[in-house]
Amino acid sequence: MKSHKKFHKTCRPIKVINVVGARPNFMKIAPIMREMSKYPQNFVQLLVHTGQHYDNEMSKFFFDDLGLPMPDIYLGVGSETHAVQTGKIMIEFDKVCYQKKPDLIIVVGDVNSTVACAIVAAKLCIPVAHIEAGLRSFDRTMPEEINRMLTDQISDYLFTTCEDANQNLIREGIPKSKIFFVGNVMIDTLLNHINMAKESFILERLGLRTNNNVRKYAVVTLHRPSNVDDPIILKVILNALNSLAKKLPVVFPAHPRTTKHIMDFKLKDMLSYEKSFSTKAFNRSYKNILILPPLGYLDFLSLMSNAKIVLTDSGGIQEETTLLGIPCLTLRNNTERPITVKEGTNILVGNDPDKIRNTSIKILKDGIPPKKIPKYWDGRAAERIIKFLSIKV
């Protein structure tokens, strides 16, 4: 298949396939699709959902919250090992490309769907745009790090969120002519939805807000294999959370794999597990930790934006808390988003229980020094990307 890279300029709009596979991708592609839809004379877009995150109900919540159209194509690959899942995506996406003959593939983030679809496109000589390029943890034990590095090497347009990412790409031999510093599309989504999140009733359901008064509480997310697949490490982290819960309630919307391991490792008694919301949930939780099913985007944004402190091993949440000015303890020893430590509200604490406990207590007592918002985290990243693609592709 040959690229139609220049053809649309004289004959037709460019045909774009936007790829998503996991929930963080939805938040990154939403502002891109919204901005692209303003220029129907320049773009015809399709949305392909690989099904890498295979919880259809949760996907629907996110699509509804973000105002995304339902996918034009759903590959339904489901959960597998990294190699099998990546291979299945490549096989199915190859068929899509031959059928739809796109002019450009847009991939976001660093999941298996990102690298799989980028490889297929590169082999078919279809230009690839990677949004959120250049992020590096310098930890190759993380599957996401491999995905990031490979995707960047074969992409034609690399859109970055920060100047650190630009330097990473240049060190790896990427020509400067391919690198475009545009800002952070995750922040676009947050700023576009923050007022809608204020309409959520999640705090009332959890008994955290009465008569417009919000109780102090912490939010936790935990899903990385390095934290949840080892029963000893998971127990250590839960013990640290129990110490924090003596100071204030801890709300824990849990990833399905985390919940499964809590059950499998017989750690359920360390916290209170609720499958439904209750205004008296915390009163019934003697540990003062409440683990919930995954939340939709608007509910979680409301929960996070009102928190006193957030503890996470997620990448995107490090960025969102930086924008919101909320202290974030990252339960990892490294981050591909060092700007959130340098300029934002993020502190790396790993899974050391003493460090988690002591840093949390210090922040609750003293807060954090004033921080600044990184350059171009202004809600206009998608606008910059689409303006560039309108001219250059």
Protein backbone atom coordinates (compact mmCIF):
# COMPACT_ATOMS: atom_id res chain seq x y z
CA MET A 1 0.00 0.00 0.00
CA LYS A 2 1.35 3.43 -0.89
CA SER A 3 0.89 6.52 1.19
CA HIS A 4 -1.60 9.13 -0.07
CA LYS A 5 0.26 11.79 1.89
CA LYS A 6 -0.08 14.62 -0.65
CA PHE A 7 -3.16 13.49 -2.57
CA HIS A 8 -5.78 15.12 -0.35
CA LYS A 9 -4.44 18.63 -0.89
CA THR A 10 -5.78 18.76 -4.43
CA CYS A 11 -8.48 16.09 -4.51
CA ARG A 12 -10.06 15.32 -1.14
CA PRO A 13 -9.84 15.60 2.64
CA ILE A 14 -7.25 13.46 4.39
CA LYS A 15 -8.60 10.20 5.77
CA VAL A 16 -7.42 9.72 9.37
CA ILE A 17 -7.69 6.67 11.59
CA ASN A 18 -7.56 7.51 15.30
CA VAL A 19 -6.52 4.53 17.43
CA VAL A 20 -7.54 3.85 21.02
CA GLY A 21 -7.15 0.71 23.06
CA ALA A 22 -7.20 1.59 26.76
CA ARG A 23 -9.03 4.15 28.88
CA PRO A 24 -6.15 6.66 29.09
CA ASN A 25 -6.20 6.73 25.27
CA PHE A 26 -9.81 7.92 25.31
CA MET A 27 -8.87 11.04 27.28
CA LYS A 28 -6.04 11.80 24.84
CA ILE A 29 -7.93 11.24 21.60
CA ALA A 30 -11.11 13.10 22.63
CA PRO A 31 -9.73 16.65 22.16
CA ILE A 32 -8.04 15.61 18.91
CA MET A 33 -11.29 14.31 17.43
CA ARG A 34 -13.24 17.29 18.70
CA GLU A 35 -10.79 19.75 17.13
CA MET A 36 -10.53 17.77 13.90
CA SER A 37 -14.32 17.75 13.51
CA LYS A 38 -14.19 21.55 13.11
CA TYR A 39 -12.49 21.09 9.74
CA PRO A 40 -14.56 18.62 7.67
CA GLN A 41 -13.06 20.09 4.53
CA ASN A 42 -9.62 18.90 5.67
CA PHE A 43 -10.30 15.64 7.51
CA VAL A 44 -12.44 12.53 7.38
CA GLN A 45 -11.84 10.61 10.59
CA LEU A 46 -12.51 7.08 11.79
CA LEU A 47 -12.14 5.79 15.33
CA VAL A 48 -10.71 2.31 15.84
CA HIS A 49 -10.98 0.73 19.29
CA THR A 50 -8.70 -2.29 19.57
CA GLY A 51 -10.44 -3.62 22.66
CA GLN A 52 -7.21 -3.85 24.63
CA HIS A 53 -9.21 -2.77 27.69
CA TYR A 54 -12.07 -5.13 27.23
CA ASP A 55 -14.52 -3.84 29.85
CA ASN A 56 -17.24 -2.67 27.48
CA GLU A 57 -19.31 -1.12 30.27
CA MET A 58 -16.41 1.01 31.52
CA SER A 59 -15.49 1.99 27.98
CA LYS A 60 -19.05 3.19 27.41
CA PHE A 61 -18.89 5.32 30.58
CA PHE A 62 -15.73 7.00 29.32
CA PHE A 63 -17.08 7.52 25.80
CA ASP A 64 -20.25 9.09 27.20
CA ASP A 65 -18.37 11.31 29.67
CA LEU A 66 -15.89 12.51 27.05
CA GLY A 67 -18.45 13.06 24.30
CA LEU A 68 -16.66 10.59 22.02
CA PRO A 69 -18.56 8.93 19.18
CA MET A 70 -18.83 5.19 19.41
CA PRO A 71 -15.98 3.47 17.54
CA ASP A 72 -16.38 2.98 13.82
CA ILE A 73 -14.43 -0.25 14.15
CA TYR A 74 -14.02 -2.44 17.24
CA LEU A 75 -11.31 -5.10 17.03
CA GLY A 76 -12.13 -6.84 20.32
CA VAL A 77 -8.69 -8.31 20.98
CA GLY A 78 -9.19 -8.66 24.74
CA SER A 79 -6.64 -9.53 27.40
CA GLU A 80 -3.57 -11.60 26.56
CA THR A 81 0.15 -11.60 27.20
CA HIS A 82 1.92 -8.57 25.77
CA ALA A 83 3.22 -10.49 22.76
CA VAL A 84 -0.07 -12.21 21.93
CA GLN A 85 -2.12 -9.05 22.41
CA THR A 86 0.25 -6.97 20.28
CA GLY A 87 0.24 -9.62 17.56
CA LYS A 88 -3.55 -9.88 17.50
CA ILE A 89 -3.89 -6.11 17.20
CA MET A 90 -1.42 -6.04 14.30
CA ILE A 91 -3.25 -8.78 12.43
CA GLU A 92 -6.65 -7.12 12.79
CA PHE A 93 -5.44 -3.56 12.21
CA ASP A 94 -3.64 -4.63 9.04
CA LYS A 95 -7.02 -5.68 7.63
CA VAL A 96 -8.51 -2.31 8.57
CA CYS A 97 -5.76 -0.42 6.79
CA TYR A 98 -6.16 -2.44 3.59
CA GLN A 99 -9.91 -1.93 3.67
CA LYS A 100 -10.04 1.77 4.63
CA LYS A 101 -6.82 2.98 2.93
CA PRO A 102 -6.10 5.80 5.41
CA ASP A 103 -3.75 8.70 4.71
CA LEU A 104 -2.67 9.08 8.34
CA ILE A 105 -2.73 7.01 11.52
CA ILE A 106 -2.88 8.83 14.86
CA VAL A 107 -1.74 6.87 17.92
CA VAL A 108 -1.60 8.19 21.48
CA GLY A 109 0.23 7.25 24.65
CA ASP A 110 2.21 4.08 25.22
CA VAL A 111 -0.04 1.02 25.39
CA ASN A 112 0.28 -2.11 23.25
CA SER A 113 -2.28 -0.74 20.80
CA THR A 114 -0.05 2.30 20.23
CA VAL A 115 3.00 0.37 19.12
CA ALA A 116 1.08 -2.38 17.29
CA CYS A 117 -0.86 0.01 15.06
CA ALA A 118 2.20 2.20 14.48
CA ILE A 119 4.19 -0.83 13.24
CA VAL A 120 1.40 -1.86 10.87
CA ALA A 121 1.13 1.66 9.47
CA ALA A 122 4.90 2.04 9.05
CA LYS A 123 5.16 -1.24 7.15
CA LEU A 124 2.37 -0.09 4.83
CA CYS A 125 4.06 3.31 4.32
CA ILE A 126 1.17 5.15 5.96
CA PRO A 127 2.35 8.23 7.91
CA VAL A 128 2.09 7.91 11.70
CA ALA A 129 1.49 10.74 14.18
CA HIS A 130 2.39 9.91 17.78
CA ILE A 131 0.76 12.12 20.37
CA GLU A 132 2.60 12.21 23.71
CA ALA A 133 5.93 11.31 22.11
CA GLY A 134 9.31 11.41 23.79
CA LEU A 135 8.36 10.51 27.35
CA ARG A 136 10.97 8.28 28.99
CA SER A 137 11.26 6.59 32.38
CA PHE A 138 14.61 5.03 31.36
CA ASP A 139 13.30 1.79 32.87
CA ARG A 140 13.10 -0.92 30.22
CA THR A 141 11.44 -3.34 32.61
CA MET A 142 8.27 -1.33 31.96
CA PRO A 143 6.44 -2.61 28.84
CA GLU A 144 5.26 0.95 28.23
CA GLU A 145 8.84 2.16 27.90
CA ILE A 146 9.48 -0.30 25.08
CA ASN A 147 6.24 0.78 23.41
CA ARG A 148 7.21 4.45 23.66
CA MET A 149 10.69 3.97 22.23
CA LEU A 150 9.60 1.80 19.30
CA THR A 151 6.65 4.00 18.38
CA ASP A 152 8.79 7.13 18.33
CA GLN A 153 11.39 5.52 16.07
CA ILE A 154 8.85 4.75 13.34
CA SER A 155 6.57 7.80 13.61
CA ASP A 156 6.59 10.64 11.09
CA TYR A 157 5.16 13.34 13.35
CA LEU A 158 6.10 13.37 17.04
CA PHE A 159 3.97 15.67 19.19
CA THR A 160 5.45 16.29 22.63
CA THR A 161 4.06 17.49 25.95
CA CYS A 162 7.24 19.04 27.38
CA GLU A 163 10.73 20.17 26.46
CA ASP A 164 12.28 17.17 28.27
CA ALA A 165 10.57 14.93 25.71
CA ASN A 166 12.07 16.94 22.86
CA GLN A 167 15.56 16.39 24.25
CA ASN A 168 14.95 12.65 24.72
CA LEU A 169 13.99 12.29 21.06
CA ILE A 170 16.97 14.30 19.82
CA ARG A 171 19.34 12.13 21.89
CA GLU A 172 17.82 9.06 20.25
CA GLY A 173 18.52 10.39 16.78
CA ILE A 174 15.07 11.64 15.83
CA PRO A 175 15.41 14.57 13.39
CA LYS A 176 14.28 17.88 14.84
CA SER A 177 12.08 18.35 11.77
CA LYS A 178 9.81 15.56 13.05
CA ILE A 179 9.43 16.91 16.60
CA PHE A 180 6.67 19.36 17.53
CA PHE A 181 6.22 20.72 21.06
CA VAL A 182 2.47 21.29 21.35
CA GLY A 183 1.51 20.72 24.99
CA ASN A 184 -0.60 18.12 26.76
CA VAL A 185 -3.89 16.81 25.35
CA MET A 186 -4.72 15.22 28.74
CA ILE A 187 -4.85 18.74 30.12
CA ASP A 188 -7.09 19.79 27.21
CA THR A 189 -9.56 17.13 28.31
CA LEU A 190 -9.34 18.06 31.98
CA LEU A 191 -9.93 21.76 31.36
CA ASN A 192 -12.79 20.99 28.97
CA HIS A 193 -14.57 18.80 31.54
CA ILE A 194 -13.73 20.31 34.93
CA ASN A 195 -17.00 22.25 35.15
CA MET A 196 -19.00 19.17 34.11
CA ALA A 197 -17.24 17.19 36.84
CA LYS A 198 -18.58 19.64 39.40
CA GLU A 199 -22.06 18.31 38.61
CA SER A 200 -21.08 14.78 39.71
CA PHE A 201 -22.70 13.40 42.87
CA ILE A 202 -19.83 11.05 43.68
CA LEU A 203 -18.87 12.95 46.86
CA GLU A 204 -22.45 12.86 48.15
CA ARG A 205 -22.71 9.14 47.40
CA LEU A 206 -19.58 8.46 49.41
CA GLY A 207 -20.60 10.69 52.31
CA LEU A 208 -17.73 13.09 51.61
CA ARG A 209 -19.80 16.21 51.00
CA THR A 210 -22.76 17.47 53.01
CA ASN A 211 -24.23 20.97 52.74
CA ASN A 212 -21.38 22.01 50.41
CA ASN A 213 -18.78 21.05 53.03
CA VAL A 214 -16.21 18.53 51.74
CA ARG A 215 -14.41 16.21 54.17
CA LYS A 216 -10.66 15.87 53.81
CA TYR A 217 -9.80 12.59 52.09
CA ALA A 218 -7.12 10.85 50.01
CA VAL A 219 -7.50 9.13 46.64
CA VAL A 220 -5.50 6.06 45.62
CA THR A 221 -5.08 4.31 42.27
CA LEU A 222 -2.89 1.26 41.87
CA HIS A 223 -2.52 -1.05 38.89
CA ARG A 224 1.10 -1.61 37.80
CA PRO A 225 2.34 -5.22 37.96
CA SER A 226 5.36 -4.14 40.01
CA ASN A 227 2.97 -3.02 42.76
CA VAL A 228 0.04 -5.42 42.61
CA ASP A 229 1.33 -8.74 41.25
CA ASP A 230 3.58 -9.50 44.22
CA PRO A 231 1.62 -10.31 47.41
CA ILE A 232 4.37 -9.04 49.69
CA ILE A 233 4.67 -5.67 47.94
CA LEU A 234 0.89 -5.26 47.69
CA LYS A 235 0.50 -6.00 51.40
CA VAL A 236 3.24 -3.48 52.23
CA ILE A 237 1.47 -0.77 50.23
CA LEU A 238 -1.90 -1.56 51.83
CA ASN A 239 -0.29 -1.35 55.26
CA ALA A 240 1.05 2.10 54.40
CA LEU A 241 -2.43 3.12 53.24
CA ASN A 242 -3.87 1.88 56.52
CA SER A 243 -1.48 4.21 58.34
CA LEU A 244 -2.64 7.10 56.17
CA ALA A 245 -6.25 6.13 56.81
CA LYS A 246 -5.77 6.90 60.51
CA LYS A 247 -5.43 10.55 59.47
CA LEU A 248 -8.22 10.81 56.90
CA PRO A 249 -10.50 8.60 54.75
CA VAL A 250 -8.87 6.87 51.78
CA VAL A 251 -10.90 6.25 48.61
CA PHE A 252 -9.50 3.56 46.34
CA PRO A 253 -11.17 3.10 42.89
CA ALA A 254 -9.46 -0.16 42.02
CA HIS A 255 -8.32 -1.53 38.68
CA PRO A 256 -9.83 -5.00 38.05
CA ARG A 257 -6.41 -6.72 38.24
CA THR A 258 -5.77 -5.02 41.60
CA THR A 259 -9.09 -6.15 43.01
CA LYS A 260 -8.44 -9.68 41.77
CA HIS A 261 -5.05 -9.81 43.45
CA ILE A 262 -6.42 -8.40 46.71
CA MET A 263 -8.89 -11.28 46.72
CA ASP A 264 -6.42 -13.93 45.52
CA PHE A 265 -3.79 -12.90 48.08
CA LYS A 266 -6.43 -12.89 50.86
CA LEU A 267 -5.86 -9.22 51.66
CA LYS A 268 -9.53 -8.24 51.59
CA ASP A 269 -9.68 -7.84 55.38
CA MET A 270 -7.20 -4.98 55.16
CA LEU A 271 -9.87 -2.69 53.71
CA SER A 272 -13.56 -2.28 53.14
CA TYR A 273 -14.83 -3.41 49.75
CA GLU A 274 -18.06 -1.87 48.49
CA LYS A 275 -19.66 -2.79 45.17
CA SER A 276 -22.20 -0.01 45.50
CA PHE A 277 -22.08 3.50 46.85
CA SER A 278 -23.37 4.42 50.25
CA THR A 279 -23.63 7.72 52.07
CA LYS A 280 -22.44 5.90 55.21
CA ALA A 281 -19.70 3.90 53.53
CA PHE A 282 -16.89 5.23 55.67
CA ASN A 283 -18.80 4.77 58.90
CA ARG A 284 -18.95 1.06 58.11
CA SER A 285 -15.26 0.84 57.22
CA TYR A 286 -13.25 0.24 60.38
CA LYS A 287 -10.03 0.62 58.38
CA ASN A 288 -11.30 3.89 56.88
CA ILE A 289 -10.28 2.67 53.40
CA LEU A 290 -12.96 2.18 50.79
CA ILE A 291 -12.19 0.25 47.62
CA LEU A 292 -14.57 0.94 44.74
CA PRO A 293 -15.10 -0.38 41.24
CA PRO A 294 -13.50 1.76 38.50
CA LEU A 295 -15.19 5.11 38.04
CA GLY A 296 -16.18 7.05 34.93
CA TYR A 297 -14.08 10.03 33.89
CA LEU A 298 -16.29 12.76 35.35
CA ASP A 299 -16.82 10.99 38.68
CA PHE A 300 -13.10 10.36 39.06
CA LEU A 301 -12.21 13.92 38.07
CA SER A 302 -14.61 15.23 40.71
CA LEU A 303 -13.13 12.88 43.31
CA MET A 304 -9.54 13.77 42.42
CA SER A 305 -10.05 17.53 42.17
CA ASN A 306 -11.45 17.69 45.71
CA ALA A 307 -8.86 15.41 47.32
CA LYS A 308 -6.35 16.53 49.92
CA ILE A 309 -3.72 14.17 48.51
CA VAL A 310 -3.50 11.58 45.71
CA LEU A 311 -1.38 8.41 45.71
CA THR A 312 -0.96 6.65 42.37
CA ASP A 313 1.24 4.63 40.04
CA SER A 314 -0.52 6.08 36.97
CA GLY A 315 1.24 8.38 34.54
CA GLY A 316 -1.67 10.59 33.56
CA ILE A 317 -2.73 11.30 37.13
CA GLN A 318 0.71 12.79 37.81
CA GLU A 319 -0.07 15.35 35.10
CA GLU A 320 -3.65 16.00 36.16
CA THR A 321 -2.75 16.62 39.81
CA THR A 322 -0.01 19.02 38.67
CA LEU A 323 -2.60 21.07 36.77
CA LEU A 324 -5.02 20.93 39.72
CA GLY A 325 -2.33 21.83 42.27
CA ILE A 326 -2.99 18.71 44.35
CA PRO A 327 -0.08 16.88 46.06
CA CYS A 328 0.63 13.58 44.31
CA LEU A 329 2.71 10.72 45.70
CA THR A 330 3.76 8.39 42.88
CA LEU A 331 4.22 4.82 44.07
CA ARG A 332 7.09 4.19 41.66
CA ASN A 333 10.85 4.68 41.70
CA ASN A 334 10.85 6.53 38.38
CA THR A 335 8.55 8.48 36.10
CA GLU A 336 8.40 9.19 32.39
CA ARG A 337 6.94 12.56 33.37
CA PRO A 338 9.78 14.19 35.35
CA ILE A 339 8.36 17.64 34.65
CA THR A 340 5.62 16.81 37.18
CA VAL A 341 8.35 16.48 39.82
CA LYS A 342 10.49 19.39 38.62
CA GLU A 343 7.68 21.89 38.11
CA GLY A 344 4.54 20.17 39.40
CA THR A 345 3.14 18.62 42.54
CA ASN A 346 4.52 15.09 42.14
CA ILE A 347 6.84 13.28 44.59
CA LEU A 348 8.30 9.82 43.90
CA VAL A 349 8.01 7.53 46.94
CA GLY A 350 8.27 4.04 45.39
CA ASN A 351 6.66 1.29 47.46
CA ASP A 352 8.67 2.02 50.61
CA PRO A 353 6.02 2.04 53.39
CA ASP A 354 7.97 4.45 55.62
CA LYS A 355 8.48 6.90 52.77
CA ILE A 356 4.81 6.68 51.77
CA ARG A 357 3.68 7.16 55.35
CA ASN A 358 6.11 9.92 56.35
CA THR A 359 5.73 11.93 53.12
CA SER A 360 1.95 11.72 53.33
CA ILE A 361 1.90 12.93 56.93
CA LYS A 362 4.28 15.79 56.14
CA ILE A 363 2.15 16.95 53.21
CA LEU A 364 -1.05 16.76 55.25
CA LYS A 365 0.62 18.91 57.90
CA ASP A 366 2.58 21.41 55.82
CA GLY A 367 1.18 21.20 52.29
CA ILE A 368 3.54 21.76 49.35
CA PRO A 369 5.36 24.87 48.08
CA PRO A 370 3.67 26.84 45.28
CA LYS A 371 4.20 25.20 41.89
CA LYS A 372 3.89 26.36 38.30
CA ILE A 373 2.02 24.90 35.36
CA PRO A 374 4.31 23.54 32.62
CA LYS A 375 4.49 25.43 29.35
CA TYR A 376 1.64 24.85 26.89
CA TRP A 377 -0.48 22.96 29.44
CA ASP A 378 -3.18 25.46 28.59
CA GLY A 379 -5.98 23.46 26.96
CA ARG A 380 -4.87 24.22 23.40
CA ALA A 381 -2.61 21.28 22.56
CA ALA A 382 -5.14 19.66 20.22
CA GLU A 383 -5.64 23.00 18.47
CA ARG A 384 -1.90 23.20 17.78
CA ILE A 385 -1.77 19.60 16.54
CA ILE A 386 -4.67 19.94 14.13
CA LYS A 387 -3.44 23.29 12.86
CA PHE A 388 -0.11 21.66 12.03
CA LEU A 389 -1.67 18.61 10.38
CA SER A 390 -3.95 20.83 8.30
CA ILE A 391 -0.91 22.53 6.81
CA LYS A 392 1.78 19.86 6.66
CA VAL A 393 0.28 16.43 6.06
